[in-house]
Amino acid sequence: MDYQAANVSESFDYVLGLMFFILLSLYCLFYLYKERSYQSGPMQ
């Protein structure tokens, strides 16, 4: 029982960290893309 609970919490932490990492990289990519499009494109 204790082993199973620890395993579940460990996998939950892993999934949470993975989601955080993916969201962070997506945010960075979006920010870089926005900055690049602002620099190259004409200002509206």
PDB file of N, CA and C in Angstrom:
ATOM      1  N   MET A   1       0.842  -1.203   0.000  1.00  0.00           N
ATOM      2  CA  MET A   1       0.000   0.000   0.000  1.00  0.00           C
ATOM      3  C   MET A   1       0.882   1.261   0.000  1.00  0.00           C
ATOM      4  N   ASP A   2       1.820   1.309   0.911  1.00  0.00           N
ATOM      5  CA  ASP A   2       2.709   2.474   0.970  1.00  0.00           C
ATOM      6  C   ASP A   2       3.541   2.582  -0.303  1.00  0.00           C
ATOM      7  N   TYR A   3       3.998   1.433  -0.788  1.00  0.00           N
ATOM      8  CA  TYR A   3       4.809   1.444  -2.009  1.00  0.00           C
ATOM      9  C   TYR A   3       3.994   1.968  -3.186  1.00  0.00           C
ATOM     10  N   GLN A   4       2.757   1.541  -3.285  1.00  0.00           N
ATOM     11  CA  GLN A   4       1.903   1.976  -4.388  1.00  0.00           C
ATOM     12  C   GLN A   4       1.633   3.478  -4.300  1.00  0.00           C
ATOM     13  N   ALA A   5       1.358   3.960  -3.104  1.00  0.00           N
ATOM     14  CA  ALA A   5       1.079   5.387  -2.926  1.00  0.00           C
ATOM     15  C   ALA A   5       2.312   6.217  -3.294  1.00  0.00           C
ATOM     16  N   ALA A   6       3.484   5.747  -2.883  1.00  0.00           N
ATOM     17  CA  ALA A   6       4.715   6.477  -3.198  1.00  0.00           C
ATOM     18  C   ALA A   6       4.945   6.471  -4.707  1.00  0.00           C
ATOM     19  N   ASN A   7       4.655   5.348  -5.345  1.00  0.00           N
ATOM     20  CA  ASN A   7       4.848   5.238  -6.784  1.00  0.00           C
ATOM     21  C   ASN A   7       3.923   6.202  -7.508  1.00  0.00           C
ATOM     22  N   VAL A   8       2.674   6.284  -7.068  1.00  0.00           N
ATOM     23  CA  VAL A   8       1.704   7.181  -7.705  1.00  0.00           C
ATOM     24  C   VAL A   8       2.134   8.633  -7.554  1.00  0.00           C
ATOM     25  N   SER A   9       2.546   9.013  -6.349  1.00  0.00           N
ATOM     26  CA  SER A   9       2.950  10.407  -6.129  1.00  0.00           C
ATOM     27  C   SER A   9       4.207  10.720  -6.936  1.00  0.00           C
ATOM     28  N   GLU A  10       5.099   9.737  -7.080  1.00  0.00           N
ATOM     29  CA  GLU A  10       6.321   9.953  -7.847  1.00  0.00           C
ATOM     30  C   GLU A  10       5.977  10.188  -9.314  1.00  0.00           C
ATOM     31  N   SER A  11       5.103   9.369  -9.874  1.00  0.00           N
ATOM     32  CA  SER A  11       4.719   9.531 -11.281  1.00  0.00           C
ATOM     33  C   SER A  11       3.944  10.836 -11.466  1.00  0.00           C
ATOM     34  N   PHE A  12       3.164  11.230 -10.458  1.00  0.00           N
ATOM     35  CA  PHE A  12       2.416  12.481 -10.546  1.00  0.00           C
ATOM     36  C   PHE A  12       3.383  13.661 -10.588  1.00  0.00           C
ATOM     37  N   ASP A  13       4.406  13.622  -9.737  1.00  0.00           N
ATOM     38  CA  ASP A  13       5.428  14.679  -9.758  1.00  0.00           C
ATOM     39  C   ASP A  13       6.127  14.707 -11.103  1.00  0.00           C
ATOM     40  N   TYR A  14       6.388  13.542 -11.670  1.00  0.00           N
ATOM     41  CA  TYR A  14       7.066  13.456 -12.964  1.00  0.00           C
ATOM     42  C   TYR A  14       6.198  14.083 -14.055  1.00  0.00           C
ATOM     43  N   VAL A  15       4.913  13.742 -14.066  1.00  0.00           N
ATOM     44  CA  VAL A  15       4.004  14.293 -15.071  1.00  0.00           C
ATOM     45  C   VAL A  15       3.864  15.805 -14.895  1.00  0.00           C
ATOM     46  N   LEU A  16       3.783  16.246 -13.641  1.00  0.00           N
ATOM     47  CA  LEU A  16       3.650  17.674 -13.370  1.00  0.00           C
ATOM     48  C   LEU A  16       4.887  18.428 -13.853  1.00  0.00           C
ATOM     49  N   GLY A  17       6.066  17.883 -13.578  1.00  0.00           N
ATOM     50  CA  GLY A  17       7.307  18.502 -14.038  1.00  0.00           C
ATOM     51  C   GLY A  17       7.385  18.515 -15.557  1.00  0.00           C
ATOM     52  N   LEU A  18       6.941  17.437 -16.180  1.00  0.00           N
ATOM     53  CA  LEU A  18       6.970  17.355 -17.645  1.00  0.00           C
ATOM     54  C   LEU A  18       6.031  18.394 -18.245  1.00  0.00           C
ATOM     55  N   MET A  19       4.835  18.522 -17.694  1.00  0.00           N
ATOM     56  CA  MET A  19       3.883  19.518 -18.190  1.00  0.00           C
ATOM     57  C   MET A  19       4.436  20.933 -18.015  1.00  0.00           C
ATOM     58  N   PHE A  20       5.064  21.190 -16.861  1.00  0.00           N
ATOM     59  CA  PHE A  20       5.638  22.505 -16.610  1.00  0.00           C
ATOM     60  C   PHE A  20       6.746  22.806 -17.617  1.00  0.00           C
ATOM     61  N   PHE A  21       7.591  21.805 -17.894  1.00  0.00           N
ATOM     62  CA  PHE A  21       8.679  21.979 -18.846  1.00  0.00           C
ATOM     63  C   PHE A  21       8.138  22.254 -20.247  1.00  0.00           C
ATOM     64  N   ILE A  22       7.101  21.508 -20.648  1.00  0.00           N
ATOM     65  CA  ILE A  22       6.508  21.687 -21.981  1.00  0.00           C
ATOM     66  C   ILE A  22       5.871  23.070 -22.089  1.00  0.00           C
ATOM     67  N   LEU A  23       5.136  23.483 -21.068  1.00  0.00           N
ATOM     68  CA  LEU A  23       4.507  24.809 -21.092  1.00  0.00           C
ATOM     69  C   LEU A  23       5.561  25.903 -21.154  1.00  0.00           C
ATOM     70  N   LEU A  24       6.647  25.727 -20.418  1.00  0.00           N
ATOM     71  CA  LEU A  24       7.707  26.728 -20.401  1.00  0.00           C
ATOM     72  C   LEU A  24       8.362  26.832 -21.770  1.00  0.00           C
ATOM     73  N   SER A  25       8.657  25.691 -22.398  1.00  0.00           N
ATOM     74  CA  SER A  25       9.290  25.722 -23.719  1.00  0.00           C
ATOM     75  C   SER A  25       8.334  26.299 -24.762  1.00  0.00           C
ATOM     76  N   LEU A  26       7.046  25.976 -24.662  1.00  0.00           N
ATOM     77  CA  LEU A  26       6.067  26.537 -25.596  1.00  0.00           C
ATOM     78  C   LEU A  26       5.991  28.053 -25.441  1.00  0.00           C
ATOM     79  N   TYR A  27       6.007  28.518 -24.193  1.00  0.00           N
ATOM     80  CA  TYR A  27       5.956  29.957 -23.935  1.00  0.00           C
ATOM     81  C   TYR A  27       7.197  30.648 -24.506  1.00  0.00           C
ATOM     82  N   CYS A  28       8.358  30.025 -24.310  1.00  0.00           N
ATOM     83  CA  CYS A  28       9.600  30.605 -24.851  1.00  0.00           C
ATOM     84  C   CYS A  28       9.547  30.650 -26.375  1.00  0.00           C
ATOM     85  N   LEU A  29       9.076  29.576 -27.004  1.00  0.00           N
ATOM     86  CA  LEU A  29       8.992  29.547 -28.465  1.00  0.00           C
ATOM     87  C   LEU A  29       8.034  30.618 -28.963  1.00  0.00           C
ATOM     88  N   PHE A  30       6.884  30.755 -28.314  1.00  0.00           N
ATOM     89  CA  PHE A  30       5.903  31.762 -28.712  1.00  0.00           C
ATOM     90  C   PHE A  30       6.478  33.162 -28.561  1.00  0.00           C
ATOM     91  N   TYR A  31       7.200  33.394 -27.459  1.00  0.00           N
ATOM     92  CA  TYR A  31       7.799  34.718 -27.213  1.00  0.00           C
ATOM     93  C   TYR A  31       8.844  35.034 -28.279  1.00  0.00           C
ATOM     94  N   LEU A  32       9.709  34.069 -28.577  1.00  0.00           N
ATOM     95  CA  LEU A  32      10.745  34.289 -29.598  1.00  0.00           C
ATOM     96  C   LEU A  32      10.105  34.524 -30.963  1.00  0.00           C
ATOM     97  N   TYR A  33       9.063  33.752 -31.293  1.00  0.00           N
ATOM     98  CA  TYR A  33       8.392  33.905 -32.590  1.00  0.00           C
ATOM     99  C   TYR A  33       7.744  35.287 -32.684  1.00  0.00           C
ATOM    100  N   LYS A  34       7.125  35.730 -31.588  1.00  0.00           N
ATOM    101  CA  LYS A  34       6.475  37.038 -31.588  1.00  0.00           C
ATOM    102  C   LYS A  34       7.524  38.144 -31.765  1.00  0.00           C
ATOM    103  N   GLU A  35       8.626  38.032 -31.034  1.00  0.00           N
ATOM    104  CA  GLU A  35       9.695  39.035 -31.135  1.00  0.00           C
ATOM    105  C   GLU A  35      10.244  39.082 -32.555  1.00  0.00           C
ATOM    106  N   ARG A  36      10.466  37.915 -33.151  1.00  0.00           N
ATOM    107  CA  ARG A  36      11.040  37.870 -34.497  1.00  0.00           C
ATOM    108  C   ARG A  36      10.063  38.450 -35.520  1.00  0.00           C
ATOM    109  N   SER A  37       8.781  38.127 -35.369  1.00  0.00           N
ATOM    110  CA  SER A  37       7.795  38.643 -36.325  1.00  0.00           C
ATOM    111  C   SER A  37       7.662  40.162 -36.168  1.00  0.00           C
ATOM    112  N   TYR A  38       7.791  40.662 -34.940  1.00  0.00           N
ATOM    113  CA  TYR A  38       7.733  42.112 -34.727  1.00  0.00           C
ATOM    114  C   TYR A  38       8.922  42.795 -35.399  1.00  0.00           C
ATOM    115  N   GLN A  39      10.110  42.190 -35.282  1.00  0.00           N
ATOM    116  CA  GLN A  39      11.312  42.808 -35.847  1.00  0.00           C
ATOM    117  C   GLN A  39      11.291  42.779 -37.366  1.00  0.00           C
ATOM    118  N   SER A  40      10.891  41.645 -37.950  1.00  0.00           N
ATOM    119  CA  SER A  40      10.968  41.509 -39.404  1.00  0.00           C
ATOM    120  C   SER A  40       9.781  42.192 -40.091  1.00  0.00           C
ATOM    121  N   GLY A  41       8.586  42.068 -39.490  1.00  0.00           N
ATOM    122  CA  GLY A  41       7.389  42.610 -40.126  1.00  0.00           C
ATOM    123  C   GLY A  41       7.230  44.095 -39.884  1.00  0.00           C
ATOM    124  N   PRO A  42       6.381  44.743 -40.674  1.00  0.00           N
ATOM    125  CA  PRO A  42       6.118  46.168 -40.472  1.00  0.00           C
ATOM    126  C   PRO A  42       5.284  46.404 -39.226  1.00  0.00           C
ATOM    127  N   MET A  43       5.513  47.497 -38.550  1.00  0.00           N
ATOM    128  CA  MET A  43       4.754  47.790 -37.335  1.00  0.00           C
ATOM    129  C   MET A  43       3.355  48.283 -37.694  1.00  0.00           C
ATOM    130  N   GLN A  44       2.377  47.746 -36.989  1.00  0.00           N
ATOM    131  CA  GLN A  44       0.991  48.128 -37.284  1.00  0.00           C
ATOM    132  C   GLN A  44       0.496  49.159 -36.285  1.00  0.00           C
TER     133      GLN A  44
END
